[in-house]
Amino acid sequence: MRYLVAAALIAVSLVACGDSDPVAGDNNDDQQTEEGDRVQLAEMRREIDALVGDAAGASIEDCRYASLGAKPCGGPWEYVIYSASSTDSTALAERLTAYNTFEAEMNERYGYASDCSVPNVPVLAYRDGRCVAE
């Protein structure tokens, strides 16, 4: 009887450890697709844009910029302009880091290539209560 119980426990353990269909929302690398990763990257960009908003500020001293994206050759694709007075800078930095890291991983995973041009660092200006590129 003892052996029967032990065998049953082993069988249940093996079944529990076996392959199963991924649950929706699982981040299973075997299930990643290029299309799915592009959708995720676009959603991350929408979150960044929502944090930045219209970059409203009180003066030019509020205006900042940060790198956005990860070119396969290195460096950012562009810069995002924001206002330190109307944007949670810590949350923005966290989302930018996540975005840039994820895009760099995509570059490697899918073998992306790009030109090796370097985007111009924006010259900040303050117009109509907003931070903008000059």
C-alpha atoms as a PDB file:
ATOM      1  CA  MET A   1       0.000   0.000   0.000  1.00  0.00           C
ATOM      2  CA  ARG A   2       2.843   2.369   0.862  1.00  0.00           C
ATOM      3  CA  TYR A   3       4.337   1.832  -2.580  1.00  0.00           C
ATOM      4  CA  LEU A   4       1.008   2.533  -4.239  1.00  0.00           C
ATOM      5  CA  VAL A   5       0.698   5.890  -2.427  1.00  0.00           C
ATOM      6  CA  ALA A   6       4.306   6.795  -3.324  1.00  0.00           C
ATOM      7  CA  ALA A   7       3.715   5.883  -6.967  1.00  0.00           C
ATOM      8  CA  ALA A   8       0.542   7.983  -7.028  1.00  0.00           C
ATOM      9  CA  LEU A   9       2.398  10.984  -5.584  1.00  0.00           C
ATOM     10  CA  ILE A  10       5.167  10.638  -8.146  1.00  0.00           C
ATOM     11  CA  ALA A  11       2.640  10.388 -10.974  1.00  0.00           C
ATOM     12  CA  VAL A  12       0.800  13.502  -9.793  1.00  0.00           C
ATOM     13  CA  SER A  13       4.104  15.379  -9.505  1.00  0.00           C
ATOM     14  CA  LEU A  14       5.137  14.420 -13.019  1.00  0.00           C
ATOM     15  CA  VAL A  15       1.803  15.510 -14.453  1.00  0.00           C
ATOM     16  CA  ALA A  16       1.998  18.837 -12.590  1.00  0.00           C
ATOM     17  CA  CYS A  17       5.495  19.473 -13.964  1.00  0.00           C
ATOM     18  CA  GLY A  18       4.605  18.545 -17.543  1.00  0.00           C
ATOM     19  CA  ASP A  19       3.926  20.917 -20.413  1.00  0.00           C
ATOM     20  CA  SER A  20       0.619  22.699 -20.336  1.00  0.00           C
ATOM     21  CA  ASP A  21      -1.046  25.323 -22.439  1.00  0.00           C
ATOM     22  CA  PRO A  22       0.122  28.798 -21.472  1.00  0.00           C
ATOM     23  CA  VAL A  23      -2.367  30.838 -19.530  1.00  0.00           C
ATOM     24  CA  ALA A  24      -3.328  34.162 -21.078  1.00  0.00           C
ATOM     25  CA  GLY A  25      -1.029  36.848 -19.730  1.00  0.00           C
ATOM     26  CA  ASP A  26       1.869  34.481 -19.051  1.00  0.00           C
ATOM     27  CA  ASN A  27       5.187  35.859 -20.210  1.00  0.00           C
ATOM     28  CA  ASN A  28       6.350  32.585 -21.741  1.00  0.00           C
ATOM     29  CA  ASP A  29       9.361  33.152 -24.019  1.00  0.00           C
ATOM     30  CA  ASP A  30       8.347  30.157 -26.164  1.00  0.00           C
ATOM     31  CA  GLN A  31       5.113  31.954 -26.998  1.00  0.00           C
ATOM     32  CA  GLN A  32       6.627  35.334 -27.895  1.00  0.00           C
ATOM     33  CA  THR A  33       6.025  36.561 -31.396  1.00  0.00           C
ATOM     34  CA  GLU A  34       7.406  39.533 -33.229  1.00  0.00           C
ATOM     35  CA  GLU A  35       3.894  40.886 -33.733  1.00  0.00           C
ATOM     36  CA  GLY A  36       3.087  40.477 -30.037  1.00  0.00           C
ATOM     37  CA  ASP A  37       6.313  42.204 -29.048  1.00  0.00           C
ATOM     38  CA  ARG A  38       5.553  45.112 -31.382  1.00  0.00           C
ATOM     39  CA  VAL A  39       2.100  45.457 -29.817  1.00  0.00           C
ATOM     40  CA  GLN A  40       3.684  45.436 -26.339  1.00  0.00           C
ATOM     41  CA  LEU A  41       6.250  48.056 -27.388  1.00  0.00           C
ATOM     42  CA  ALA A  42       3.472  50.268 -28.808  1.00  0.00           C
ATOM     43  CA  GLU A  43       1.545  49.984 -25.529  1.00  0.00           C
ATOM     44  CA  MET A  44       4.668  50.944 -23.591  1.00  0.00           C
ATOM     45  CA  ARG A  45       5.032  53.998 -25.863  1.00  0.00           C
ATOM     46  CA  ARG A  46       1.417  55.013 -25.191  1.00  0.00           C
ATOM     47  CA  GLU A  47       2.148  54.867 -21.451  1.00  0.00           C
ATOM     48  CA  ILE A  48       5.170  57.128 -21.921  1.00  0.00           C
ATOM     49  CA  ASP A  49       3.170  59.573 -24.036  1.00  0.00           C
ATOM     50  CA  ALA A  50       0.408  59.616 -21.401  1.00  0.00           C
ATOM     51  CA  LEU A  51       2.933  60.421 -18.660  1.00  0.00           C
ATOM     52  CA  VAL A  52       4.442  63.261 -20.686  1.00  0.00           C
ATOM     53  CA  GLY A  53       1.048  64.656 -21.642  1.00  0.00           C
ATOM     54  CA  ASP A  54       1.253  68.074 -23.266  1.00  0.00           C
ATOM     55  CA  ALA A  55       4.499  68.957 -21.412  1.00  0.00           C
ATOM     56  CA  ALA A  56       2.873  71.927 -19.689  1.00  0.00           C
ATOM     57  CA  GLY A  57       5.219  73.959 -17.528  1.00  0.00           C
ATOM     58  CA  ALA A  58       5.652  77.299 -15.858  1.00  0.00           C
ATOM     59  CA  SER A  59       8.915  78.281 -17.559  1.00  0.00           C
ATOM     60  CA  ILE A  60      11.855  77.000 -19.606  1.00  0.00           C
ATOM     61  CA  GLU A  61      13.444  75.814 -16.355  1.00  0.00           C
ATOM     62  CA  ASP A  62      10.787  73.063 -16.212  1.00  0.00           C
ATOM     63  CA  CYS A  63      11.742  71.661 -19.638  1.00  0.00           C
ATOM     64  CA  ARG A  64      13.698  68.417 -19.955  1.00  0.00           C
ATOM     65  CA  TYR A  65      14.374  65.734 -22.540  1.00  0.00           C
ATOM     66  CA  ALA A  66      15.184  62.024 -22.369  1.00  0.00           C
ATOM     67  CA  SER A  67      16.318  59.315 -24.777  1.00  0.00           C
ATOM     68  CA  LEU A  68      13.624  57.126 -26.279  1.00  0.00           C
ATOM     69  CA  GLY A  69      14.241  53.817 -27.983  1.00  0.00           C
ATOM     70  CA  ALA A  70      17.223  51.634 -28.717  1.00  0.00           C
ATOM     71  CA  LYS A  71      18.671  51.600 -32.214  1.00  0.00           C
ATOM     72  CA  PRO A  72      20.378  48.348 -33.210  1.00  0.00           C
ATOM     73  CA  CYS A  73      23.575  50.358 -33.878  1.00  0.00           C
ATOM     74  CA  GLY A  74      23.292  51.937 -30.442  1.00  0.00           C
ATOM     75  CA  GLY A  75      21.784  55.123 -29.110  1.00  0.00           C
ATOM     76  CA  PRO A  76      18.185  56.335 -29.100  1.00  0.00           C
ATOM     77  CA  TRP A  77      15.787  56.694 -32.011  1.00  0.00           C
ATOM     78  CA  GLU A  78      14.556  60.029 -30.711  1.00  0.00           C
ATOM     79  CA  TYR A  79      14.104  62.206 -27.666  1.00  0.00           C
ATOM     80  CA  VAL A  80      10.971  62.845 -25.663  1.00  0.00           C
ATOM     81  CA  ILE A  81      10.437  66.362 -24.303  1.00  0.00           C
ATOM     82  CA  TYR A  82       8.642  66.761 -20.995  1.00  0.00           C
ATOM     83  CA  SER A  83       8.046  69.209 -18.190  1.00  0.00           C
ATOM     84  CA  ALA A  84       9.494  68.395 -14.783  1.00  0.00           C
ATOM     85  CA  SER A  85       6.634  70.299 -13.142  1.00  0.00           C
ATOM     86  CA  SER A  86       3.828  68.276 -14.777  1.00  0.00           C
ATOM     87  CA  THR A  87       5.458  64.854 -15.220  1.00  0.00           C
ATOM     88  CA  ASP A  88       6.366  62.278 -12.587  1.00  0.00           C
ATOM     89  CA  SER A  89      10.057  62.120 -13.534  1.00  0.00           C
ATOM     90  CA  THR A  90      10.688  58.921 -11.575  1.00  0.00           C
ATOM     91  CA  ALA A  91       7.813  57.060 -13.220  1.00  0.00           C
ATOM     92  CA  LEU A  92       8.877  58.380 -16.617  1.00  0.00           C
ATOM     93  CA  ALA A  93      12.473  57.234 -16.084  1.00  0.00           C
ATOM     94  CA  GLU A  94      11.257  53.763 -15.081  1.00  0.00           C
ATOM     95  CA  ARG A  95       9.049  53.461 -18.167  1.00  0.00           C
ATOM     96  CA  LEU A  96      11.754  54.780 -20.484  1.00  0.00           C
ATOM     97  CA  THR A  97      14.240  52.267 -19.091  1.00  0.00           C
ATOM     98  CA  ALA A  98      11.747  49.425 -19.545  1.00  0.00           C
ATOM     99  CA  TYR A  99      10.919  50.578 -23.089  1.00  0.00           C
ATOM    100  CA  ASN A 100      14.540  51.000 -24.139  1.00  0.00           C
ATOM    101  CA  THR A 101      15.551  47.654 -22.630  1.00  0.00           C
ATOM    102  CA  PHE A 102      12.656  45.820 -24.254  1.00  0.00           C
ATOM    103  CA  GLU A 103      13.407  47.351 -27.652  1.00  0.00           C
ATOM    104  CA  ALA A 104      17.099  46.396 -27.337  1.00  0.00           C
ATOM    105  CA  GLU A 105      16.022  42.822 -26.557  1.00  0.00           C
ATOM    106  CA  MET A 106      13.766  42.860 -29.629  1.00  0.00           C
ATOM    107  CA  ASN A 107      16.674  44.066 -31.782  1.00  0.00           C
ATOM    108  CA  GLU A 108      18.706  41.074 -30.693  1.00  0.00           C
ATOM    109  CA  ARG A 109      15.847  38.557 -30.774  1.00  0.00           C
ATOM    110  CA  TYR A 110      14.709  39.441 -34.298  1.00  0.00           C
ATOM    111  CA  GLY A 111      18.027  40.552 -35.784  1.00  0.00           C
ATOM    112  CA  TYR A 112      16.906  44.096 -36.537  1.00  0.00           C
ATOM    113  CA  ALA A 113      19.252  46.510 -38.267  1.00  0.00           C
ATOM    114  CA  SER A 114      19.148  50.269 -38.681  1.00  0.00           C
ATOM    115  CA  ASP A 115      21.109  53.151 -40.022  1.00  0.00           C
ATOM    116  CA  CYS A 116      23.701  54.323 -37.574  1.00  0.00           C
ATOM    117  CA  SER A 117      22.657  57.960 -37.679  1.00  0.00           C
ATOM    118  CA  VAL A 118      22.462  59.849 -34.433  1.00  0.00           C
ATOM    119  CA  PRO A 119      19.348  61.925 -33.747  1.00  0.00           C
ATOM    120  CA  ASN A 120      19.907  65.557 -32.860  1.00  0.00           C
ATOM    121  CA  VAL A 121      19.621  66.391 -29.202  1.00  0.00           C
ATOM    122  CA  PRO A 122      16.657  68.762 -28.964  1.00  0.00           C
ATOM    123  CA  VAL A 123      17.105  72.424 -28.240  1.00  0.00           C
ATOM    124  CA  LEU A 124      14.409  73.104 -25.677  1.00  0.00           C
ATOM    125  CA  ALA A 125      12.047  76.037 -25.914  1.00  0.00           C
ATOM    126  CA  TYR A 126       9.062  77.254 -23.924  1.00  0.00           C
ATOM    127  CA  ARG A 127       6.042  78.353 -25.939  1.00  0.00           C
ATOM    128  CA  ASP A 128       2.436  78.931 -24.954  1.00  0.00           C
ATOM    129  CA  GLY A 129       2.964  77.269 -21.566  1.00  0.00           C
ATOM    130  CA  ARG A 130       4.518  74.121 -23.001  1.00  0.00           C
ATOM    131  CA  CYS A 131       7.975  72.619 -23.374  1.00  0.00           C
ATOM    132  CA  VAL A 132       8.770  72.040 -27.043  1.00  0.00           C
ATOM    133  CA  ALA A 133      11.740  71.527 -29.356  1.00  0.00           C
ATOM    134  CA  GLU A 134      12.980  74.707 -30.962  1.00  0.00           C
END
